[in-house]
């Protein structure tokens, strides 16, 4: 006997992810740049997928030898053989915000995490800041 008679099974428990590639290091040469562009084009053609790890095989094939490709639960990382720093990452745009190597860092501005630049509290004017 089912103790939860009013429950129904979820058809698709994993929503589609919006895949994108962030290239975190400057390409070494024109050939590496072409390989990374091929990866980016492939991922852009397959942006909506329920499991990003399914793209790992294609990423490995497009890069060719000389790269290590691995994946976590919702991302794919790429490193050059013998290096520890990540070269690129394929991630979900809805849950992450990686940047390409040439993009500027976002302006920290006023955030609630920066004690010197807190957002105004309810009832305070923006110029007043924290007490």
C-alpha atoms as a PDB file:
ATOM      1  CA  UNK A   1       0.000   0.000   0.000  1.00  0.00           C
ATOM      2  CA  UNK A   2       1.333   3.417  -0.939  1.00  0.00           C
ATOM      3  CA  UNK A   3       1.607   5.634   2.175  1.00  0.00           C
ATOM      4  CA  UNK A   4       1.471   8.745  -0.026  1.00  0.00           C
ATOM      5  CA  UNK A   5      -1.478   8.226  -2.365  1.00  0.00           C
ATOM      6  CA  UNK A   6      -1.597  11.835  -3.618  1.00  0.00           C
ATOM      7  CA  UNK A   7       2.013  12.018  -4.831  1.00  0.00           C
ATOM      8  CA  UNK A   8       2.904  11.838  -8.478  1.00  0.00           C
ATOM      9  CA  UNK A   9       6.226  11.100 -10.091  1.00  0.00           C
ATOM     10  CA  UNK A  10       8.102  14.036 -11.560  1.00  0.00           C
ATOM     11  CA  UNK A  11       8.516  13.490 -15.285  1.00  0.00           C
ATOM     12  CA  UNK A  12      11.835  15.345 -15.546  1.00  0.00           C
ATOM     13  CA  UNK A  13      13.454  16.144 -12.182  1.00  0.00           C
ATOM     14  CA  UNK A  14      16.395  17.900 -13.850  1.00  0.00           C
ATOM     15  CA  UNK A  15      15.516  21.105 -15.707  1.00  0.00           C
ATOM     16  CA  UNK A  16      17.350  22.031 -18.877  1.00  0.00           C
ATOM     17  CA  UNK A  17      20.623  23.873 -18.385  1.00  0.00           C
ATOM     18  CA  UNK A  18      21.865  26.718 -20.553  1.00  0.00           C
ATOM     19  CA  UNK A  19      25.405  25.718 -21.433  1.00  0.00           C
ATOM     20  CA  UNK A  20      28.128  28.253 -22.188  1.00  0.00           C
ATOM     21  CA  UNK A  21      31.924  28.257 -22.403  1.00  0.00           C
ATOM     22  CA  UNK A  22      34.229  30.579 -20.502  1.00  0.00           C
ATOM     23  CA  UNK A  23      37.830  30.564 -21.729  1.00  0.00           C
ATOM     24  CA  UNK A  24      39.791  31.577 -18.647  1.00  0.00           C
ATOM     25  CA  UNK A  25      43.316  31.762 -20.074  1.00  0.00           C
ATOM     26  CA  UNK A  26      44.633  33.440 -23.189  1.00  0.00           C
ATOM     27  CA  UNK A  27      45.111  30.851 -25.970  1.00  0.00           C
ATOM     28  CA  UNK A  28      48.773  29.959 -26.526  1.00  0.00           C
ATOM     29  CA  UNK A  29      48.603  30.135 -30.301  1.00  0.00           C
ATOM     30  CA  UNK A  30      46.269  30.298 -33.298  1.00  0.00           C
ATOM     31  CA  UNK A  31      45.697  26.527 -33.296  1.00  0.00           C
ATOM     32  CA  UNK A  32      44.566  26.509 -29.660  1.00  0.00           C
ATOM     33  CA  UNK A  33      42.333  29.494 -30.371  1.00  0.00           C
ATOM     34  CA  UNK A  34      40.693  27.589 -33.265  1.00  0.00           C
ATOM     35  CA  UNK A  35      40.111  24.527 -31.066  1.00  0.00           C
ATOM     36  CA  UNK A  36      38.546  26.617 -28.305  1.00  0.00           C
ATOM     37  CA  UNK A  37      36.342  28.416 -30.843  1.00  0.00           C
ATOM     38  CA  UNK A  38      35.194  25.015 -32.156  1.00  0.00           C
ATOM     39  CA  UNK A  39      34.298  24.003 -28.597  1.00  0.00           C
ATOM     40  CA  UNK A  40      32.404  27.265 -28.099  1.00  0.00           C
ATOM     41  CA  UNK A  41      30.461  26.798 -31.359  1.00  0.00           C
ATOM     42  CA  UNK A  42      29.564  23.217 -30.436  1.00  0.00           C
ATOM     43  CA  UNK A  43      28.354  24.216 -26.978  1.00  0.00           C
ATOM     44  CA  UNK A  44      26.348  27.136 -28.412  1.00  0.00           C
ATOM     45  CA  UNK A  45      24.647  24.668 -30.763  1.00  0.00           C
ATOM     46  CA  UNK A  46      23.748  22.471 -27.765  1.00  0.00           C
ATOM     47  CA  UNK A  47      22.897  25.070 -25.141  1.00  0.00           C
ATOM     48  CA  UNK A  48      19.800  23.381 -23.751  1.00  0.00           C
ATOM     49  CA  UNK A  49      20.673  20.044 -22.222  1.00  0.00           C
ATOM     50  CA  UNK A  50      19.627  18.319 -19.026  1.00  0.00           C
ATOM     51  CA  UNK A  51      23.160  17.174 -18.210  1.00  0.00           C
ATOM     52  CA  UNK A  52      26.188  19.196 -19.272  1.00  0.00           C
ATOM     53  CA  UNK A  53      28.430  16.190 -18.735  1.00  0.00           C
ATOM     54  CA  UNK A  54      26.997  14.786 -21.950  1.00  0.00           C
ATOM     55  CA  UNK A  55      29.039  17.382 -23.853  1.00  0.00           C
ATOM     56  CA  UNK A  56      32.373  16.241 -22.355  1.00  0.00           C
ATOM     57  CA  UNK A  57      33.129  13.686 -25.079  1.00  0.00           C
ATOM     58  CA  UNK A  58      32.640  16.225 -27.856  1.00  0.00           C
ATOM     59  CA  UNK A  59      34.766  18.796 -26.001  1.00  0.00           C
ATOM     60  CA  UNK A  60      37.609  16.265 -25.670  1.00  0.00           C
ATOM     61  CA  UNK A  61      37.349  15.313 -29.341  1.00  0.00           C
ATOM     62  CA  UNK A  62      37.299  18.927 -30.549  1.00  0.00           C
ATOM     63  CA  UNK A  63      40.356  19.873 -28.486  1.00  0.00           C
ATOM     64  CA  UNK A  64      42.397  16.851 -29.498  1.00  0.00           C
ATOM     65  CA  UNK A  65      45.506  15.597 -27.671  1.00  0.00           C
ATOM     66  CA  UNK A  66      47.313  17.757 -25.139  1.00  0.00           C
ATOM     67  CA  UNK A  67      44.296  18.592 -22.992  1.00  0.00           C
ATOM     68  CA  UNK A  68      42.701  17.065 -19.950  1.00  0.00           C
ATOM     69  CA  UNK A  69      38.909  17.215 -19.856  1.00  0.00           C
ATOM     70  CA  UNK A  70      36.901  16.316 -16.780  1.00  0.00           C
ATOM     71  CA  UNK A  71      33.493  17.004 -15.395  1.00  0.00           C
ATOM     72  CA  UNK A  72      31.681  17.574 -12.150  1.00  0.00           C
ATOM     73  CA  UNK A  73      27.989  17.339 -11.476  1.00  0.00           C
ATOM     74  CA  UNK A  74      27.096  20.372 -13.601  1.00  0.00           C
ATOM     75  CA  UNK A  75      30.211  21.528 -15.426  1.00  0.00           C
ATOM     76  CA  UNK A  76      33.070  20.446 -17.684  1.00  0.00           C
ATOM     77  CA  UNK A  77      36.593  21.734 -17.083  1.00  0.00           C
ATOM     78  CA  UNK A  78      39.538  21.830 -19.474  1.00  0.00           C
ATOM     79  CA  UNK A  79      43.236  22.005 -18.589  1.00  0.00           C
ATOM     80  CA  UNK A  80      46.328  21.809 -20.698  1.00  0.00           C
ATOM     81  CA  UNK A  81      48.263  18.600 -20.017  1.00  0.00           C
ATOM     82  CA  UNK A  82      50.661  19.101 -17.119  1.00  0.00           C
ATOM     83  CA  UNK A  83      49.061  22.331 -15.896  1.00  0.00           C
ATOM     84  CA  UNK A  84      46.976  22.839 -12.778  1.00  0.00           C
ATOM     85  CA  UNK A  85      45.182  26.028 -13.812  1.00  0.00           C
ATOM     86  CA  UNK A  86      41.921  25.608 -15.689  1.00  0.00           C
ATOM     87  CA  UNK A  87      41.960  26.734 -19.326  1.00  0.00           C
ATOM     88  CA  UNK A  88      38.200  26.741 -19.886  1.00  0.00           C
ATOM     89  CA  UNK A  89      34.947  25.671 -18.306  1.00  0.00           C
ATOM     90  CA  UNK A  90      31.561  24.680 -19.701  1.00  0.00           C
ATOM     91  CA  UNK A  91      28.892  25.594 -17.188  1.00  0.00           C
ATOM     92  CA  UNK A  92      25.216  26.434 -16.758  1.00  0.00           C
ATOM     93  CA  UNK A  93      24.446  30.102 -17.379  1.00  0.00           C
ATOM     94  CA  UNK A  94      21.517  29.943 -14.944  1.00  0.00           C
ATOM     95  CA  UNK A  95      23.675  28.971 -11.956  1.00  0.00           C
ATOM     96  CA  UNK A  96      27.164  30.324 -12.662  1.00  0.00           C
ATOM     97  CA  UNK A  97      28.977  33.412 -13.927  1.00  0.00           C
ATOM     98  CA  UNK A  98      32.434  32.516 -15.248  1.00  0.00           C
ATOM     99  CA  UNK A  99      34.182  35.040 -17.494  1.00  0.00           C
ATOM    100  CA  UNK A 100      36.540  34.872 -20.448  1.00  0.00           C
ATOM    101  CA  UNK A 101      40.159  35.836 -19.748  1.00  0.00           C
ATOM    102  CA  UNK A 102      39.820  39.198 -21.536  1.00  0.00           C
ATOM    103  CA  UNK A 103      36.637  40.353 -19.775  1.00  0.00           C
ATOM    104  CA  UNK A 104      37.102  42.900 -16.999  1.00  0.00           C
ATOM    105  CA  UNK A 105      36.292  42.007 -13.427  1.00  0.00           C
ATOM    106  CA  UNK A 106      32.853  43.211 -12.431  1.00  0.00           C
ATOM    107  CA  UNK A 107      32.704  46.422 -10.416  1.00  0.00           C
ATOM    108  CA  UNK A 108      32.296  45.420  -6.775  1.00  0.00           C
ATOM    109  CA  UNK A 109      30.154  48.505  -6.169  1.00  0.00           C
ATOM    110  CA  UNK A 110      27.774  48.437  -3.254  1.00  0.00           C
ATOM    111  CA  UNK A 111      27.049  44.936  -2.095  1.00  0.00           C
ATOM    112  CA  UNK A 112      25.811  43.564   1.159  1.00  0.00           C
ATOM    113  CA  UNK A 113      29.007  41.480   1.419  1.00  0.00           C
ATOM    114  CA  UNK A 114      31.330  44.479   1.394  1.00  0.00           C
ATOM    115  CA  UNK A 115      31.252  45.954   4.902  1.00  0.00           C
ATOM    116  CA  UNK A 116      32.524  49.381   3.772  1.00  0.00           C
ATOM    117  CA  UNK A 117      29.967  49.645   0.965  1.00  0.00           C
ATOM    118  CA  UNK A 118      26.761  48.168   2.277  1.00  0.00           C
ATOM    119  CA  UNK A 119      23.406  48.640   0.660  1.00  0.00           C
ATOM    120  CA  UNK A 120      21.112  50.959   2.602  1.00  0.00           C
ATOM    121  CA  UNK A 121      18.948  49.336   5.222  1.00  0.00           C
ATOM    122  CA  UNK A 122      15.192  49.723   5.271  1.00  0.00           C
ATOM    123  CA  UNK A 123      14.343  53.274   6.275  1.00  0.00           C
ATOM    124  CA  UNK A 124      17.827  54.708   5.520  1.00  0.00           C
ATOM    125  CA  UNK A 125      18.608  57.010   2.677  1.00  0.00           C
ATOM    126  CA  UNK A 126      21.241  55.711   0.217  1.00  0.00           C
ATOM    127  CA  UNK A 127      23.671  58.480   1.199  1.00  0.00           C
ATOM    128  CA  UNK A 128      23.442  57.689   4.927  1.00  0.00           C
ATOM    129  CA  UNK A 129      25.070  54.253   4.727  1.00  0.00           C
ATOM    130  CA  UNK A 130      25.644  52.105   7.806  1.00  0.00           C
ATOM    131  CA  UNK A 131      25.723  53.703  11.246  1.00  0.00           C
END
